[in-house]
Amino acid sequence: MANIKSAKKRISIISKKTARNRRVKGAYRAIIKNFYKAIEADDLGTAKEKLALAEKKLMQAAAKGVMHKKTASRKVGRMTRTYNKAKAQA
């Protein structure tokens, strides 16, 4: 346990940031999972909605520093490619 006042404050701040990061990560992971479930079920309408929502949430996470900007872009790119491939097959 920290003894110095500033160290105690940092512990508090870190726990708040960790909680926020977990909430944000959990939200975008759930959306991504729902996107891939919709792709497997050949539900392109739902997949398109989930793709747009996932892109928004990933870019917000990147803007807040939860993940790197290029990581978010890479995830969106992969999802878009998957959606376009499924759309072409349908």
N, C-alpha and C. Protein backbone atom coordinates (compact mmCIF):
# COMPACT_ATOMS: atom_id res chain seq x y z
N MET A 1 0.84 -1.18 0.00
CA MET A 1 0.00 0.00 0.00
C MET A 1 0.88 1.24 0.00
N ALA A 2 0.46 2.22 -0.75
CA ALA A 2 1.23 3.46 -0.87
C ALA A 2 1.11 4.29 0.41
N ASN A 3 2.19 4.98 0.75
CA ASN A 3 2.20 5.84 1.93
C ASN A 3 2.13 7.32 1.56
N ILE A 4 2.66 7.65 0.39
CA ILE A 4 2.72 9.05 -0.04
C ILE A 4 1.37 9.45 -0.63
N LYS A 5 0.95 10.68 -0.34
CA LYS A 5 -0.36 11.16 -0.77
C LYS A 5 -0.53 11.10 -2.28
N SER A 6 0.47 11.51 -3.04
CA SER A 6 0.37 11.50 -4.50
C SER A 6 0.27 10.08 -5.04
N ALA A 7 0.96 9.14 -4.40
CA ALA A 7 0.88 7.74 -4.82
C ALA A 7 -0.51 7.17 -4.56
N LYS A 8 -1.11 7.56 -3.43
CA LYS A 8 -2.47 7.12 -3.12
C LYS A 8 -3.45 7.66 -4.16
N LYS A 9 -3.23 8.91 -4.56
CA LYS A 9 -4.10 9.52 -5.56
C LYS A 9 -3.95 8.81 -6.91
N ARG A 10 -2.72 8.46 -7.26
CA ARG A 10 -2.49 7.76 -8.53
C ARG A 10 -3.20 6.41 -8.54
N ILE A 11 -3.18 5.71 -7.40
CA ILE A 11 -3.87 4.42 -7.31
C ILE A 11 -5.36 4.61 -7.57
N SER A 12 -5.93 5.65 -7.01
CA SER A 12 -7.35 5.94 -7.21
C SER A 12 -7.64 6.24 -8.68
N ILE A 13 -6.79 7.07 -9.28
CA ILE A 13 -6.99 7.45 -10.68
C ILE A 13 -6.85 6.25 -11.59
N ILE A 14 -5.85 5.41 -11.33
CA ILE A 14 -5.63 4.22 -12.15
C ILE A 14 -6.83 3.28 -12.09
N SER A 15 -7.40 3.12 -10.90
CA SER A 15 -8.55 2.23 -10.79
C SER A 15 -9.75 2.77 -11.56
N LYS A 16 -9.94 4.08 -11.55
CA LYS A 16 -11.03 4.68 -12.33
C LYS A 16 -10.81 4.49 -13.82
N LYS A 17 -9.58 4.71 -14.28
CA LYS A 17 -9.28 4.54 -15.70
C LYS A 17 -9.41 3.09 -16.13
N THR A 18 -8.99 2.17 -15.26
CA THR A 18 -9.11 0.75 -15.56
C THR A 18 -10.58 0.36 -15.70
N ALA A 19 -11.41 0.87 -14.83
CA ALA A 19 -12.85 0.57 -14.91
C ALA A 19 -13.44 1.10 -16.21
N ARG A 20 -13.06 2.33 -16.58
CA ARG A 20 -13.56 2.90 -17.83
C ARG A 20 -13.09 2.08 -19.03
N ASN A 21 -11.81 1.71 -19.03
CA ASN A 21 -11.27 0.93 -20.14
C ASN A 21 -11.97 -0.42 -20.26
N ARG A 22 -12.26 -1.06 -19.13
CA ARG A 22 -12.94 -2.34 -19.17
C ARG A 22 -14.35 -2.20 -19.74
N ARG A 23 -15.05 -1.13 -19.34
CA ARG A 23 -16.40 -0.89 -19.87
C ARG A 23 -16.36 -0.70 -21.38
N VAL A 24 -15.44 0.15 -21.84
CA VAL A 24 -15.34 0.46 -23.27
C VAL A 24 -14.96 -0.79 -24.06
N LYS A 25 -13.96 -1.53 -23.58
CA LYS A 25 -13.53 -2.74 -24.27
C LYS A 25 -14.64 -3.78 -24.31
N GLY A 26 -15.34 -3.94 -23.20
CA GLY A 26 -16.44 -4.90 -23.16
C GLY A 26 -17.53 -4.54 -24.16
N ALA A 27 -17.81 -3.25 -24.28
CA ALA A 27 -18.85 -2.80 -25.20
C ALA A 27 -18.48 -3.08 -26.65
N TYR A 28 -17.25 -2.72 -27.05
CA TYR A 28 -16.93 -2.93 -28.46
C TYR A 28 -16.68 -4.41 -28.77
N ARG A 29 -16.22 -5.18 -27.80
CA ARG A 29 -16.05 -6.62 -28.03
C ARG A 29 -17.40 -7.29 -28.24
N ALA A 30 -18.41 -6.88 -27.47
CA ALA A 30 -19.76 -7.44 -27.61
C ALA A 30 -20.33 -7.10 -28.98
N ILE A 31 -20.12 -5.88 -29.45
CA ILE A 31 -20.64 -5.47 -30.75
C ILE A 31 -19.95 -6.26 -31.86
N ILE A 32 -18.64 -6.44 -31.74
CA ILE A 32 -17.89 -7.20 -32.75
C ILE A 32 -18.38 -8.65 -32.78
N LYS A 33 -18.60 -9.21 -31.59
CA LYS A 33 -19.09 -10.59 -31.52
C LYS A 33 -20.46 -10.70 -32.20
N ASN A 34 -21.35 -9.73 -31.94
CA ASN A 34 -22.67 -9.74 -32.56
C ASN A 34 -22.58 -9.58 -34.07
N PHE A 35 -21.61 -8.80 -34.55
CA PHE A 35 -21.40 -8.65 -35.99
C PHE A 35 -21.06 -9.99 -36.62
N TYR A 36 -20.11 -10.70 -36.03
CA TYR A 36 -19.69 -11.99 -36.61
C TYR A 36 -20.79 -13.04 -36.50
N LYS A 37 -21.63 -12.98 -35.45
CA LYS A 37 -22.77 -13.88 -35.35
C LYS A 37 -23.78 -13.61 -36.47
N ALA A 38 -23.99 -12.33 -36.76
CA ALA A 38 -24.91 -11.96 -37.84
C ALA A 38 -24.36 -12.41 -39.20
N ILE A 39 -23.05 -12.32 -39.39
CA ILE A 39 -22.43 -12.78 -40.63
C ILE A 39 -22.62 -14.29 -40.78
N GLU A 40 -22.41 -15.04 -39.69
CA GLU A 40 -22.59 -16.49 -39.73
C GLU A 40 -24.03 -16.88 -40.05
N ALA A 41 -24.98 -16.08 -39.55
CA ALA A 41 -26.39 -16.35 -39.77
C ALA A 41 -26.89 -15.79 -41.10
N ASP A 42 -26.00 -15.21 -41.89
CA ASP A 42 -26.34 -14.60 -43.18
C ASP A 42 -27.39 -13.51 -43.04
N ASP A 43 -27.34 -12.78 -41.96
CA ASP A 43 -28.25 -11.66 -41.71
C ASP A 43 -27.48 -10.37 -42.03
N LEU A 44 -27.46 -10.00 -43.32
CA LEU A 44 -26.63 -8.88 -43.76
C LEU A 44 -27.16 -7.53 -43.28
N GLY A 45 -28.46 -7.42 -43.08
CA GLY A 45 -29.02 -6.16 -42.57
C GLY A 45 -28.51 -5.85 -41.17
N THR A 46 -28.59 -6.85 -40.30
CA THR A 46 -28.09 -6.67 -38.94
C THR A 46 -26.59 -6.48 -38.93
N ALA A 47 -25.91 -7.24 -39.80
CA ALA A 47 -24.44 -7.14 -39.87
C ALA A 47 -24.01 -5.73 -40.28
N LYS A 48 -24.76 -5.13 -41.19
CA LYS A 48 -24.42 -3.77 -41.63
C LYS A 48 -24.58 -2.77 -40.48
N GLU A 49 -25.67 -2.92 -39.72
CA GLU A 49 -25.89 -2.04 -38.56
C GLU A 49 -24.78 -2.22 -37.53
N LYS A 50 -24.43 -3.48 -37.25
CA LYS A 50 -23.39 -3.77 -36.25
C LYS A 50 -22.03 -3.27 -36.72
N LEU A 51 -21.79 -3.33 -38.02
CA LEU A 51 -20.53 -2.83 -38.57
C LEU A 51 -20.41 -1.33 -38.35
N ALA A 52 -21.48 -0.60 -38.63
CA ALA A 52 -21.46 0.85 -38.44
C ALA A 52 -21.29 1.20 -36.96
N LEU A 53 -21.98 0.47 -36.10
CA LEU A 53 -21.87 0.71 -34.65
C LEU A 53 -20.48 0.37 -34.14
N ALA A 54 -19.92 -0.75 -34.64
CA ALA A 54 -18.58 -1.17 -34.22
C ALA A 54 -17.54 -0.14 -34.66
N GLU A 55 -17.67 0.38 -35.87
CA GLU A 55 -16.72 1.38 -36.34
C GLU A 55 -16.77 2.62 -35.44
N LYS A 56 -17.96 3.05 -35.10
CA LYS A 56 -18.12 4.21 -34.23
C LYS A 56 -17.47 3.97 -32.86
N LYS A 57 -17.78 2.82 -32.25
CA LYS A 57 -17.28 2.53 -30.91
C LYS A 57 -15.76 2.34 -30.92
N LEU A 58 -15.23 1.70 -31.96
CA LEU A 58 -13.78 1.49 -32.04
C LEU A 58 -13.04 2.81 -32.20
N MET A 59 -13.57 3.70 -33.02
CA MET A 59 -12.92 4.99 -33.21
C MET A 59 -13.03 5.85 -31.94
N GLN A 60 -14.14 5.73 -31.23
CA GLN A 60 -14.25 6.43 -29.94
C GLN A 60 -13.23 5.90 -28.95
N ALA A 61 -13.06 4.59 -28.93
CA ALA A 61 -12.08 3.98 -28.02
C ALA A 61 -10.67 4.44 -28.37
N ALA A 62 -10.40 4.55 -29.67
CA ALA A 62 -9.07 5.02 -30.10
C ALA A 62 -8.87 6.48 -29.71
N ALA A 63 -9.91 7.27 -29.83
CA ALA A 63 -9.81 8.69 -29.49
C ALA A 63 -9.58 8.88 -27.99
N LYS A 64 -10.16 8.00 -27.18
CA LYS A 64 -10.00 8.10 -25.72
C LYS A 64 -8.71 7.46 -25.23
N GLY A 65 -7.98 6.80 -26.11
CA GLY A 65 -6.72 6.19 -25.71
C GLY A 65 -6.86 4.79 -25.16
N VAL A 66 -8.03 4.18 -25.32
CA VAL A 66 -8.22 2.81 -24.85
C VAL A 66 -7.46 1.85 -25.74
N MET A 67 -7.41 2.14 -27.02
CA MET A 67 -6.64 1.35 -27.97
C MET A 67 -5.97 2.29 -28.95
N HIS A 68 -5.00 1.77 -29.68
CA HIS A 68 -4.27 2.58 -30.65
C HIS A 68 -5.16 2.83 -31.87
N LYS A 69 -4.95 3.96 -32.50
CA LYS A 69 -5.75 4.36 -33.66
C LYS A 69 -5.63 3.35 -34.80
N LYS A 70 -4.43 2.86 -35.03
CA LYS A 70 -4.23 1.91 -36.14
C LYS A 70 -4.82 0.54 -35.81
N THR A 71 -4.86 0.17 -34.55
CA THR A 71 -5.51 -1.08 -34.16
C THR A 71 -7.00 -1.00 -34.46
N ALA A 72 -7.61 0.12 -34.13
CA ALA A 72 -9.03 0.31 -34.40
C ALA A 72 -9.30 0.27 -35.90
N SER A 73 -8.46 0.93 -36.68
CA SER A 73 -8.63 0.95 -38.13
C SER A 73 -8.48 -0.44 -38.72
N ARG A 74 -7.52 -1.21 -38.20
CA ARG A 74 -7.30 -2.57 -38.68
C ARG A 74 -8.51 -3.45 -38.41
N LYS A 75 -9.08 -3.33 -37.21
CA LYS A 75 -10.26 -4.12 -36.86
C LYS A 75 -11.45 -3.75 -37.76
N VAL A 76 -11.64 -2.45 -37.99
CA VAL A 76 -12.73 -2.01 -38.85
C VAL A 76 -12.52 -2.52 -40.27
N GLY A 77 -11.29 -2.45 -40.75
CA GLY A 77 -10.97 -2.92 -42.10
C GLY A 77 -11.26 -4.40 -42.27
N ARG A 78 -10.90 -5.18 -41.28
CA ARG A 78 -11.15 -6.62 -41.35
C ARG A 78 -12.64 -6.93 -41.34
N MET A 79 -13.37 -6.20 -40.51
CA MET A 79 -14.81 -6.42 -40.45
C MET A 79 -15.48 -6.00 -41.77
N THR A 80 -15.03 -4.89 -42.32
CA THR A 80 -15.59 -4.42 -43.59
C THR A 80 -15.33 -5.42 -44.71
N ARG A 81 -14.11 -5.95 -44.72
CA ARG A 81 -13.75 -6.94 -45.73
C ARG A 81 -14.61 -8.19 -45.58
N THR A 82 -14.85 -8.61 -44.35
CA THR A 82 -15.70 -9.78 -44.09
C THR A 82 -17.13 -9.52 -44.56
N TYR A 83 -17.63 -8.32 -44.26
CA TYR A 83 -19.00 -7.97 -44.67
C TYR A 83 -19.12 -7.94 -46.19
N ASN A 84 -18.16 -7.31 -46.85
CA ASN A 84 -18.20 -7.23 -48.33
C ASN A 84 -18.12 -8.60 -48.97
N LYS A 85 -17.32 -9.49 -48.39
CA LYS A 85 -17.20 -10.84 -48.90
C LYS A 85 -18.51 -11.59 -48.75
N ALA A 86 -19.17 -11.45 -47.60
CA ALA A 86 -20.45 -12.11 -47.36
C ALA A 86 -21.52 -11.54 -48.28
N LYS A 87 -21.47 -10.23 -48.51
CA LYS A 87 -22.44 -9.58 -49.39
C LYS A 87 -22.28 -10.06 -50.83
N ALA A 88 -21.05 -10.26 -51.27
CA ALA A 88 -20.79 -10.72 -52.63
C ALA A 88 -21.27 -12.16 -52.84
N GLN A 89 -21.16 -12.97 -51.80
CA GLN A 89 -21.59 -14.37 -51.89
C GLN A 89 -23.11 -14.50 -51.87
N ALA A 90 -23.78 -13.52 -51.26
CA ALA A 90 -25.25 -13.61 -51.14
C ALA A 90 -25.96 -13.24 -52.42
